[in-house]
PDB file of N, CA and C in Angstrom:
ATOM      1  N   MET A   1      63.093  26.449   3.756  1.00  0.00           N
ATOM      2  CA  MET A   1      63.281  27.159   2.244  1.00  0.00           C
ATOM      3  C   MET A   1      63.176  26.499   1.127  1.00  0.00           C
ATOM      4  N   GLY A   2      62.468  25.461   1.409  1.00  0.00           N
ATOM      5  CA  GLY A   2      61.599  24.319   0.080  1.00  0.00           C
ATOM      6  C   GLY A   2      60.742  25.073  -0.153  1.00  0.00           C
ATOM      7  N   GLY A   3      59.269  24.999   0.889  1.00  0.00           N
ATOM      8  CA  GLY A   3      57.959  25.831   0.819  1.00  0.00           C
ATOM      9  C   GLY A   3      58.162  27.207  -0.396  1.00  0.00           C
ATOM     10  N   LEU A   4      59.179  27.854   0.421  1.00  0.00           N
ATOM     11  CA  LEU A   4      58.887  29.175  -0.510  1.00  0.00           C
ATOM     12  C   LEU A   4      59.515  28.475  -1.814  1.00  0.00           C
ATOM     13  N   LEU A   5      60.675  28.069  -2.108  1.00  0.00           N
ATOM     14  CA  LEU A   5      61.221  27.946  -3.404  1.00  0.00           C
ATOM     15  C   LEU A   5      59.887  27.247  -4.232  1.00  0.00           C
ATOM     16  N   ALA A   6      59.409  26.006  -3.515  1.00  0.00           N
ATOM     17  CA  ALA A   6      58.402  25.583  -4.657  1.00  0.00           C
ATOM     18  C   ALA A   6      56.980  26.746  -4.937  1.00  0.00           C
ATOM     19  N   TYR A   7      56.898  27.102  -4.052  1.00  0.00           N
ATOM     20  CA  TYR A   7      55.541  28.646  -4.206  1.00  0.00           C
ATOM     21  C   TYR A   7      56.350  29.859  -5.782  1.00  0.00           C
ATOM     22  N   ARG A   8      57.505  30.011  -5.215  1.00  0.00           N
ATOM     23  CA  ARG A   8      58.192  30.785  -6.358  1.00  0.00           C
ATOM     24  C   ARG A   8      58.294  29.745  -7.602  1.00  0.00           C
ATOM     25  N   THR A   9      58.545  28.615  -7.799  1.00  0.00           N
ATOM     26  CA  THR A   9      58.402  27.718  -8.752  1.00  0.00           C
ATOM     27  C   THR A   9      57.018  27.877  -9.578  1.00  0.00           C
ATOM     28  N   ALA A  10      55.819  28.085  -8.875  1.00  0.00           N
ATOM     29  CA  ALA A  10      54.707  27.526  -9.020  1.00  0.00           C
ATOM     30  C   ALA A  10      54.562  29.048  -9.876  1.00  0.00           C
ATOM     31  N   VAL A  11      54.564  30.358  -8.748  1.00  0.00           N
ATOM     32  CA  VAL A  11      54.550  31.520  -9.546  1.00  0.00           C
ATOM     33  C   VAL A  11      55.382  31.844 -11.265  1.00  0.00           C
ATOM     34  N   ALA A  12      56.525  31.482 -10.876  1.00  0.00           N
ATOM     35  CA  ALA A  12      57.365  31.498 -12.402  1.00  0.00           C
ATOM     36  C   ALA A  12      56.919  30.732 -13.509  1.00  0.00           C
ATOM     37  N   GLY A  13      55.939  29.978 -13.513  1.00  0.00           N
ATOM     38  CA  GLY A  13      55.283  29.378 -14.540  1.00  0.00           C
ATOM     39  C   GLY A  13      56.674  28.442 -15.078  1.00  0.00           C
ATOM     40  N   ASP A  14      57.289  27.454 -14.753  1.00  0.00           N
ATOM     41  CA  ASP A  14      58.392  26.948 -15.499  1.00  0.00           C
ATOM     42  C   ASP A  14      58.155  25.638 -15.665  1.00  0.00           C
ATOM     43  N   GLY A  15      56.686  25.185 -16.233  1.00  0.00           N
ATOM     44  CA  GLY A  15      56.353  24.201 -16.761  1.00  0.00           C
ATOM     45  C   GLY A  15      55.938  22.678 -15.861  1.00  0.00           C
ATOM     46  N   PHE A  16      55.827  23.180 -14.613  1.00  0.00           N
ATOM     47  CA  PHE A  16      55.249  22.211 -13.349  1.00  0.00           C
ATOM     48  C   PHE A  16      53.650  22.122 -13.466  1.00  0.00           C
ATOM     49  N   GLY A  17      53.344  21.180 -13.463  1.00  0.00           N
ATOM     50  CA  GLY A  17      52.177  20.532 -13.593  1.00  0.00           C
ATOM     51  C   GLY A  17      51.414  21.271 -12.301  1.00  0.00           C
ATOM     52  N   ALA A  18      51.872  20.692 -11.074  1.00  0.00           N
ATOM     53  CA  ALA A  18      51.417  21.162  -9.920  1.00  0.00           C
ATOM     54  C   ALA A  18      52.779  21.274  -8.698  1.00  0.00           C
ATOM     55  N   ALA A  19      52.222  21.959  -7.523  1.00  0.00           N
ATOM     56  CA  ALA A  19      53.358  22.137  -6.530  1.00  0.00           C
ATOM     57  C   ALA A  19      52.461  22.212  -5.168  1.00  0.00           C
ATOM     58  N   VAL A  20      53.568  21.725  -4.083  1.00  0.00           N
ATOM     59  CA  VAL A  20      52.886  21.484  -2.957  1.00  0.00           C
ATOM     60  C   VAL A  20      54.110  22.162  -2.102  1.00  0.00           C
ATOM     61  N   GLY A  21      53.833  23.036  -1.397  1.00  0.00           N
ATOM     62  CA  GLY A  21      54.830  23.639  -0.428  1.00  0.00           C
ATOM     63  C   GLY A  21      54.767  23.542   1.083  1.00  0.00           C
ATOM     64  N   PHE A  22      55.578  23.100   1.809  1.00  0.00           N
ATOM     65  CA  PHE A  22      55.461  22.943   2.955  1.00  0.00           C
ATOM     66  C   PHE A  22      56.230  24.204   4.519  1.00  0.00           C
ATOM     67  N   TYR A  23      55.008  25.007   4.834  1.00  0.00           N
ATOM     68  CA  TYR A  23      55.489  25.847   5.789  1.00  0.00           C
ATOM     69  C   TYR A  23      56.697  27.039   5.079  1.00  0.00           C
ATOM     70  N   GLY A  24      56.149  27.518   4.085  1.00  0.00           N
ATOM     71  CA  GLY A  24      57.160  28.673   3.263  1.00  0.00           C
ATOM     72  C   GLY A  24      57.140  29.863   3.701  1.00  0.00           C
ATOM     73  N   SER A  25      58.271  30.175   4.760  1.00  0.00           N
ATOM     74  CA  SER A  25      58.789  31.682   5.241  1.00  0.00           C
ATOM     75  C   SER A  25      59.005  32.249   4.248  1.00  0.00           C
ATOM     76  N   GLY A  26      57.957  33.272   4.166  1.00  0.00           N
ATOM     77  CA  GLY A  26      58.445  34.757   2.908  1.00  0.00           C
ATOM     78  C   GLY A  26      57.525  34.575   1.971  1.00  0.00           C
ATOM     79  N   ILE A  27      56.221  33.388   1.719  1.00  0.00           N
ATOM     80  CA  ILE A  27      55.474  33.888   0.904  1.00  0.00           C
ATOM     81  C   ILE A  27      54.323  34.971   1.092  1.00  0.00           C
ATOM     82  N   SER A  28      54.031  35.526   1.895  1.00  0.00           N
ATOM     83  CA  SER A  28      53.248  36.342   2.398  1.00  0.00           C
ATOM     84  C   SER A  28      53.995  37.802   1.902  1.00  0.00           C
ATOM     85  N   ALA A  29      54.950  37.615   1.877  1.00  0.00           N
ATOM     86  CA  ALA A  29      55.751  38.915   0.886  1.00  0.00           C
ATOM     87  C   ALA A  29      55.770  38.905  -0.272  1.00  0.00           C
ATOM     88  N   GLU A  30      55.565  38.007  -0.862  1.00  0.00           N
ATOM     89  CA  GLU A  30      55.209  37.416  -2.535  1.00  0.00           C
ATOM     90  C   GLU A  30      54.524  37.125  -2.874  1.00  0.00           C
ATOM     91  N   PRO A  31      53.228  38.338  -3.446  1.00  0.00           N
ATOM     92  CA  PRO A  31      52.088  37.999  -3.717  1.00  0.00           C
ATOM     93  C   PRO A  31      52.367  37.501  -5.451  1.00  0.00           C
ATOM     94  N   GLY A  32      51.503  36.808  -5.557  1.00  0.00           N
ATOM     95  CA  GLY A  32      51.653  36.169  -7.360  1.00  0.00           C
ATOM     96  C   GLY A  32      50.669  34.901  -6.912  1.00  0.00           C
ATOM     97  N   ASP A  33      50.218  34.867  -8.664  1.00  0.00           N
ATOM     98  CA  ASP A  33      49.174  33.712  -8.927  1.00  0.00           C
ATOM     99  C   ASP A  33      49.900  32.453  -9.788  1.00  0.00           C
ATOM    100  N   PRO A  34      50.015  31.732  -8.839  1.00  0.00           N
ATOM    101  CA  PRO A  34      50.425  30.436  -9.367  1.00  0.00           C
ATOM    102  C   PRO A  34      50.497  30.007 -10.523  1.00  0.00           C
ATOM    103  N   ALA A  35      50.839  29.851 -11.321  1.00  0.00           N
ATOM    104  CA  ALA A  35      50.814  29.173 -12.614  1.00  0.00           C
ATOM    105  C   ALA A  35      50.214  27.352 -13.370  1.00  0.00           C
ATOM    106  N   CYS A  36      50.512  27.255 -11.491  1.00  0.00           N
ATOM    107  CA  CYS A  36      49.618  25.649 -11.785  1.00  0.00           C
ATOM    108  C   CYS A  36      49.223  25.559 -10.552  1.00  0.00           C
ATOM    109  N   PRO A  37      48.503  24.414 -10.427  1.00  0.00           N
ATOM    110  CA  PRO A  37      47.848  24.236  -8.740  1.00  0.00           C
ATOM    111  C   PRO A  37      48.821  23.855  -7.814  1.00  0.00           C
ATOM    112  N   THR A  38      48.331  24.735  -6.905  1.00  0.00           N
ATOM    113  CA  THR A  38      49.404  24.902  -5.744  1.00  0.00           C
ATOM    114  C   THR A  38      48.680  24.714  -4.233  1.00  0.00           C
ATOM    115  N   LEU A  39      49.530  23.675  -3.544  1.00  0.00           N
ATOM    116  CA  LEU A  39      48.646  23.838  -2.227  1.00  0.00           C
ATOM    117  C   LEU A  39      49.972  23.938  -0.967  1.00  0.00           C
ATOM    118  N   LEU A  40      49.356  24.503  -0.526  1.00  0.00           N
ATOM    119  CA  LEU A  40      50.512  25.246   0.748  1.00  0.00           C
ATOM    120  C   LEU A  40      50.190  24.323   2.062  1.00  0.00           C
ATOM    121  N   PHE A  41      50.719  24.363   2.838  1.00  0.00           N
ATOM    122  CA  PHE A  41      51.047  23.666   4.340  1.00  0.00           C
ATOM    123  C   PHE A  41      51.817  24.360   5.618  1.00  0.00           C
ATOM    124  N   PHE A  42      50.899  25.164   6.240  1.00  0.00           N
ATOM    125  CA  PHE A  42      51.744  25.690   7.220  1.00  0.00           C
ATOM    126  C   PHE A  42      51.198  24.901   8.951  1.00  0.00           C
ATOM    127  N   GLY A  43      51.918  25.349   9.795  1.00  0.00           N
ATOM    128  CA  GLY A  43      52.145  25.216  11.347  1.00  0.00           C
ATOM    129  C   GLY A  43      51.543  26.120  11.913  1.00  0.00           C
ATOM    130  N   GLY A  44      50.284  25.969  12.467  1.00  0.00           N
ATOM    131  CA  GLY A  44      49.818  27.432  13.248  1.00  0.00           C
ATOM    132  C   GLY A  44      50.447  27.286  14.234  1.00  0.00           C
ATOM    133  N   GLU A  45      51.846  27.112  15.107  1.00  0.00           N
ATOM    134  CA  GLU A  45      52.373  27.325  16.053  1.00  0.00           C
ATOM    135  C   GLU A  45      53.768  27.511  15.517  1.00  0.00           C
ATOM    136  N   ASP A  46      53.589  27.787  14.085  1.00  0.00           N
ATOM    137  CA  ASP A  46      54.787  28.147  13.354  1.00  0.00           C
ATOM    138  C   ASP A  46      55.750  29.271  14.022  1.00  0.00           C
ATOM    139  N   GLN A  47      57.365  28.869  14.551  1.00  0.00           N
ATOM    140  CA  GLN A  47      58.119  29.691  15.300  1.00  0.00           C
ATOM    141  C   GLN A  47      59.026  30.718  14.829  1.00  0.00           C
ATOM    142  N   TYR A  48      58.566  30.591  12.854  1.00  0.00           N
ATOM    143  CA  TYR A  48      59.372  31.071  12.240  1.00  0.00           C
ATOM    144  C   TYR A  48      58.740  32.351  11.437  1.00  0.00           C
ATOM    145  N   ILE A  49      56.866  31.658  11.371  1.00  0.00           N
ATOM    146  CA  ILE A  49      56.399  32.231  10.454  1.00  0.00           C
ATOM    147  C   ILE A  49      55.261  32.621  11.153  1.00  0.00           C
ATOM    148  N   SER A  50      54.687  33.871  11.217  1.00  0.00           N
ATOM    149  CA  SER A  50      53.655  34.352  12.258  1.00  0.00           C
ATOM    150  C   SER A  50      52.366  33.915  11.647  1.00  0.00           C
ATOM    151  N   PRO A  51      51.384  33.930  12.493  1.00  0.00           N
ATOM    152  CA  PRO A  51      50.233  33.815  12.414  1.00  0.00           C
ATOM    153  C   PRO A  51      49.256  34.337  11.353  1.00  0.00           C
ATOM    154  N   ALA A  52      49.946  36.004  11.254  1.00  0.00           N
ATOM    155  CA  ALA A  52      49.417  37.145  10.166  1.00  0.00           C
ATOM    156  C   ALA A  52      49.839  37.036   9.305  1.00  0.00           C
ATOM    157  N   ASP A  53      51.074  36.153   8.908  1.00  0.00           N
ATOM    158  CA  ASP A  53      51.500  36.199   7.345  1.00  0.00           C
ATOM    159  C   ASP A  53      51.003  34.523   6.934  1.00  0.00           C
ATOM    160  N   ILE A  54      50.630  33.940   7.987  1.00  0.00           N
ATOM    161  CA  ILE A  54      49.883  32.320   7.662  1.00  0.00           C
ATOM    162  C   ILE A  54      48.216  33.024   7.191  1.00  0.00           C
ATOM    163  N   GLU A  55      47.928  34.083   7.644  1.00  0.00           N
ATOM    164  CA  GLU A  55      46.541  34.252   7.445  1.00  0.00           C
ATOM    165  C   GLU A  55      46.823  35.409   6.395  1.00  0.00           C
ATOM    166  N   VAL A  56      47.551  35.676   5.761  1.00  0.00           N
ATOM    167  CA  VAL A  56      47.633  36.904   4.521  1.00  0.00           C
ATOM    168  C   VAL A  56      47.904  35.413   3.168  1.00  0.00           C
ATOM    169  N   VAL A  57      48.618  34.466   3.729  1.00  0.00           N
ATOM    170  CA  VAL A  57      48.915  33.593   2.472  1.00  0.00           C
ATOM    171  C   VAL A  57      47.408  33.043   2.597  1.00  0.00           C
ATOM    172  N   GLY A  58      46.842  32.448   3.624  1.00  0.00           N
ATOM    173  CA  GLY A  58      45.460  31.944   3.496  1.00  0.00           C
ATOM    174  C   GLY A  58      44.373  32.959   2.308  1.00  0.00           C
ATOM    175  N   LEU A  59      44.513  34.128   2.647  1.00  0.00           N
ATOM    176  CA  LEU A  59      43.313  34.775   2.251  1.00  0.00           C
ATOM    177  C   LEU A  59      43.806  35.143   0.674  1.00  0.00           C
ATOM    178  N   ARG A  60      45.282  34.893   0.137  1.00  0.00           N
ATOM    179  CA  ARG A  60      45.352  35.053  -1.002  1.00  0.00           C
ATOM    180  C   ARG A  60      45.043  33.441  -1.944  1.00  0.00           C
ATOM    181  N   HIS A  61      45.239  32.676  -0.702  1.00  0.00           N
ATOM    182  CA  HIS A  61      45.605  31.223  -1.677  1.00  0.00           C
ATOM    183  C   HIS A  61      44.543  30.293  -0.760  1.00  0.00           C
ATOM    184  N   PRO A  62      43.137  30.523  -0.910  1.00  0.00           N
ATOM    185  CA  PRO A  62      42.493  29.291   0.154  1.00  0.00           C
ATOM    186  C   PRO A  62      42.446  27.852  -0.045  1.00  0.00           C
ATOM    187  N   GLU A  63      42.928  27.385  -0.644  1.00  0.00           N
ATOM    188  CA  GLU A  63      43.180  25.770  -0.594  1.00  0.00           C
ATOM    189  C   GLU A  63      44.735  25.765   0.545  1.00  0.00           C
ATOM    190  N   THR A  64      44.984  26.874   1.261  1.00  0.00           N
ATOM    191  CA  THR A  64      46.322  26.680   2.148  1.00  0.00           C
ATOM    192  C   THR A  64      45.407  25.522   3.483  1.00  0.00           C
ATOM    193  N   VAL A  65      46.382  24.775   4.028  1.00  0.00           N
ATOM    194  CA  VAL A  65      45.889  24.165   5.185  1.00  0.00           C
ATOM    195  C   VAL A  65      46.790  24.432   6.396  1.00  0.00           C
ATOM    196  N   VAL A  66      45.938  24.703   7.413  1.00  0.00           N
ATOM    197  CA  VAL A  66      46.839  24.792   8.669  1.00  0.00           C
ATOM    198  C   VAL A  66      46.204  24.019   9.106  1.00  0.00           C
ATOM    199  N   TYR A  67      47.756  23.258  10.435  1.00  0.00           N
ATOM    200  CA  TYR A  67      47.181  22.654  11.438  1.00  0.00           C
ATOM    201  C   TYR A  67      47.691  23.723  12.707  1.00  0.00           C
ATOM    202  N   PRO A  68      46.851  23.989  13.473  1.00  0.00           N
ATOM    203  CA  PRO A  68      46.555  25.053  14.510  1.00  0.00           C
ATOM    204  C   PRO A  68      47.983  24.592  15.425  1.00  0.00           C
ATOM    205  N   GLU A  69      47.747  23.388  15.701  1.00  0.00           N
ATOM    206  CA  GLU A  69      48.604  22.835  16.919  1.00  0.00           C
ATOM    207  C   GLU A  69      50.245  22.566  16.340  1.00  0.00           C
ATOM    208  N   ALA A  70      50.129  22.696  15.225  1.00  0.00           N
ATOM    209  CA  ALA A  70      51.803  22.084  14.883  1.00  0.00           C
ATOM    210  C   ALA A  70      52.591  23.723  14.072  1.00  0.00           C
ATOM    211  N   GLY A  71      54.033  23.065  14.712  1.00  0.00           N
ATOM    212  CA  GLY A  71      54.696  23.851  14.627  1.00  0.00           C
ATOM    213  C   GLY A  71      55.559  23.687  12.962  1.00  0.00           C
ATOM    214  N   HIS A  72      56.691  24.774  13.245  1.00  0.00           N
ATOM    215  CA  HIS A  72      57.511  24.431  11.797  1.00  0.00           C
ATOM    216  C   HIS A  72      58.093  23.191  11.705  1.00  0.00           C
ATOM    217  N   GLY A  73      58.696  22.837  10.760  1.00  0.00           N
ATOM    218  CA  GLY A  73      59.029  21.413  10.453  1.00  0.00           C
ATOM    219  C   GLY A  73      58.163  19.905  10.758  1.00  0.00           C
ATOM    220  N   PHE A  74      56.820  20.598  10.948  1.00  0.00           N
ATOM    221  CA  PHE A  74      55.947  19.325  11.453  1.00  0.00           C
ATOM    222  C   PHE A  74      56.398  18.126  10.593  1.00  0.00           C
ATOM    223  N   MET A  75      56.426  17.788   9.403  1.00  0.00           N
ATOM    224  CA  MET A  75      56.630  16.819   8.266  1.00  0.00           C
ATOM    225  C   MET A  75      58.263  16.050   8.414  1.00  0.00           C
ATOM    226  N   ARG A  76      58.895  16.833   9.494  1.00  0.00           N
ATOM    227  CA  ARG A  76      60.267  16.056   9.425  1.00  0.00           C
ATOM    228  C   ARG A  76      60.413  14.881  10.767  1.00  0.00           C
ATOM    229  N   ASP A  77      59.993  13.630  10.054  1.00  0.00           N
ATOM    230  CA  ASP A  77      59.688  12.401  11.245  1.00  0.00           C
ATOM    231  C   ASP A  77      61.260  12.216  11.710  1.00  0.00           C
ATOM    232  N   GLY A  78      61.065  12.015  12.996  1.00  0.00           N
ATOM    233  CA  GLY A  78      62.526  11.931  13.688  1.00  0.00           C
ATOM    234  C   GLY A  78      62.387  12.986  14.756  1.00  0.00           C
ATOM    235  N   SER A  79      62.551  14.430  14.295  1.00  0.00           N
ATOM    236  CA  SER A  79      62.866  15.382  14.688  1.00  0.00           C
ATOM    237  C   SER A  79      61.968  16.068  15.577  1.00  0.00           C
ATOM    238  N   MET A  80      62.165  16.775  16.751  1.00  0.00           N
ATOM    239  CA  MET A  80      61.326  17.554  17.598  1.00  0.00           C
ATOM    240  C   MET A  80      60.387  18.016  17.589  1.00  0.00           C
ATOM    241  N   SER A  81      60.016  18.648  16.308  1.00  0.00           N
ATOM    242  CA  SER A  81      58.714  19.418  15.539  1.00  0.00           C
ATOM    243  C   SER A  81      58.120  18.508  14.799  1.00  0.00           C
ATOM    244  N   TYR A  82      58.542  17.470  15.028  1.00  0.00           N
ATOM    245  CA  TYR A  82      57.615  16.181  14.073  1.00  0.00           C
ATOM    246  C   TYR A  82      55.633  16.263  14.746  1.00  0.00           C
ATOM    247  N   ASP A  83      54.831  16.294  14.150  1.00  0.00           N
ATOM    248  CA  ASP A  83      53.665  16.068  14.489  1.00  0.00           C
ATOM    249  C   ASP A  83      53.169  15.197  13.535  1.00  0.00           C
ATOM    250  N   ASP A  84      53.232  13.723  14.328  1.00  0.00           N
ATOM    251  CA  ASP A  84      52.313  12.738  14.035  1.00  0.00           C
ATOM    252  C   ASP A  84      50.976  13.194  13.064  1.00  0.00           C
ATOM    253  N   GLY A  85      49.983  13.594  13.353  1.00  0.00           N
ATOM    254  CA  GLY A  85      48.685  13.825  12.999  1.00  0.00           C
ATOM    255  C   GLY A  85      48.779  14.775  12.038  1.00  0.00           C
ATOM    256  N   ALA A  86      49.312  15.675  12.129  1.00  0.00           N
ATOM    257  CA  ALA A  86      49.665  17.071  10.975  1.00  0.00           C
ATOM    258  C   ALA A  86      50.538  16.436   9.772  1.00  0.00           C
ATOM    259  N   ALA A  87      51.510  15.549  10.169  1.00  0.00           N
ATOM    260  CA  ALA A  87      52.032  14.976   8.911  1.00  0.00           C
ATOM    261  C   ALA A  87      51.271  13.716   8.287  1.00  0.00           C
ATOM    262  N   ARG A  88      50.724  13.107   8.746  1.00  0.00           N
ATOM    263  CA  ARG A  88      49.903  11.989   8.154  1.00  0.00           C
ATOM    264  C   ARG A  88      49.222  12.505   7.429  1.00  0.00           C
ATOM    265  N   ASP A  89      48.134  13.645   7.610  1.00  0.00           N
ATOM    266  CA  ASP A  89      47.285  14.462   7.302  1.00  0.00           C
ATOM    267  C   ASP A  89      47.947  15.083   6.058  1.00  0.00           C
ATOM    268  N   ALA A  90      48.628  15.722   5.955  1.00  0.00           N
ATOM    269  CA  ALA A  90      49.483  16.268   5.126  1.00  0.00           C
ATOM    270  C   ALA A  90      49.970  15.537   3.825  1.00  0.00           C
ATOM    271  N   TRP A  91      50.530  14.478   4.536  1.00  0.00           N
ATOM    272  CA  TRP A  91      50.981  13.518   3.395  1.00  0.00           C
ATOM    273  C   TRP A  91      49.566  12.765   2.506  1.00  0.00           C
ATOM    274  N   SER A  92      48.421  12.577   3.025  1.00  0.00           N
ATOM    275  CA  SER A  92      47.377  12.004   2.711  1.00  0.00           C
ATOM    276  C   SER A  92      46.945  13.258   1.740  1.00  0.00           C
ATOM    277  N   ARG A  93      46.544  14.454   1.947  1.00  0.00           N
ATOM    278  CA  ARG A  93      46.600  15.160   0.978  1.00  0.00           C
ATOM    279  C   ARG A  93      47.234  15.713   0.004  1.00  0.00           C
ATOM    280  N   THR A  94      48.886  15.747   0.225  1.00  0.00           N
ATOM    281  CA  THR A  94      49.488  15.629  -0.822  1.00  0.00           C
ATOM    282  C   THR A  94      49.476  14.501  -2.029  1.00  0.00           C
ATOM    283  N   LEU A  95      49.428  13.151  -1.436  1.00  0.00           N
ATOM    284  CA  LEU A  95      49.210  12.232  -2.461  1.00  0.00           C
ATOM    285  C   LEU A  95      48.180  12.485  -3.413  1.00  0.00           C
ATOM    286  N   ARG A  96      47.375  12.699  -2.844  1.00  0.00           N
ATOM    287  CA  ARG A  96      45.663  12.698  -3.415  1.00  0.00           C
ATOM    288  C   ARG A  96      45.911  13.843  -4.644  1.00  0.00           C
ATOM    289  N   PHE A  97      46.078  15.503  -3.798  1.00  0.00           N
ATOM    290  CA  PHE A  97      46.397  16.512  -4.913  1.00  0.00           C
ATOM    291  C   PHE A  97      47.014  16.261  -6.203  1.00  0.00           C
ATOM    292  N   PHE A  98      48.353  15.062  -5.821  1.00  0.00           N
ATOM    293  CA  PHE A  98      49.193  15.375  -6.774  1.00  0.00           C
ATOM    294  C   PHE A  98      48.558  14.281  -7.990  1.00  0.00           C
ATOM    295  N   THR A  99      47.789  12.491  -7.257  1.00  0.00           N
ATOM    296  CA  THR A  99      46.751  12.252  -8.338  1.00  0.00           C
ATOM    297  C   THR A  99      46.252  12.890  -9.030  1.00  0.00           C
ATOM    298  N   GLU A 100      45.310  13.849  -8.384  1.00  0.00           N
ATOM    299  CA  GLU A 100      44.289  14.685  -9.049  1.00  0.00           C
ATOM    300  C   GLU A 100      44.916  15.655  -9.824  1.00  0.00           C
ATOM    301  N   GLN A 101      45.979  15.880  -9.675  1.00  0.00           N
ATOM    302  CA  GLN A 101      46.668  17.095 -10.890  1.00  0.00           C
ATOM    303  C   GLN A 101      47.326  16.759 -11.752  1.00  0.00           C
ATOM    304  N   LEU A 102      47.852  15.728 -11.795  1.00  0.00           N
ATOM    305  CA  LEU A 102      48.996  15.347 -12.810  1.00  0.00           C
ATOM    306  C   LEU A 102      48.858  13.327 -13.191  1.00  0.00           C
ATOM    307  N   LEU A 103      47.530  12.960 -12.643  1.00  0.00           N
ATOM    308  CA  LEU A 103      47.564  11.946 -13.324  1.00  0.00           C
ATOM    309  C   LEU A 103      46.205  12.018 -14.295  1.00  0.00           C
TER     310      LEU A 103
END
């Protein structure tokens, strides 16, 4: 739910300088133009978000990053869905993105 809420907030333009969303289920059904720089992450093996929905988001937002072998929740350290490689890369990209956009 957090990825979708981050996206909705970015589209609403509530004064944020940048937004990052992880596995935002439902984003494909909510076309919009974020009012701030926005970075979106998905797992290509997400059991809740179809590849077709991820493709729709990626076409609309080319900065979207998809980790082909990661599933939903790949950032949740300690969970069964945690994917170390995807999580480390996504975290690095997130920090770089916020540094570039907010500092």
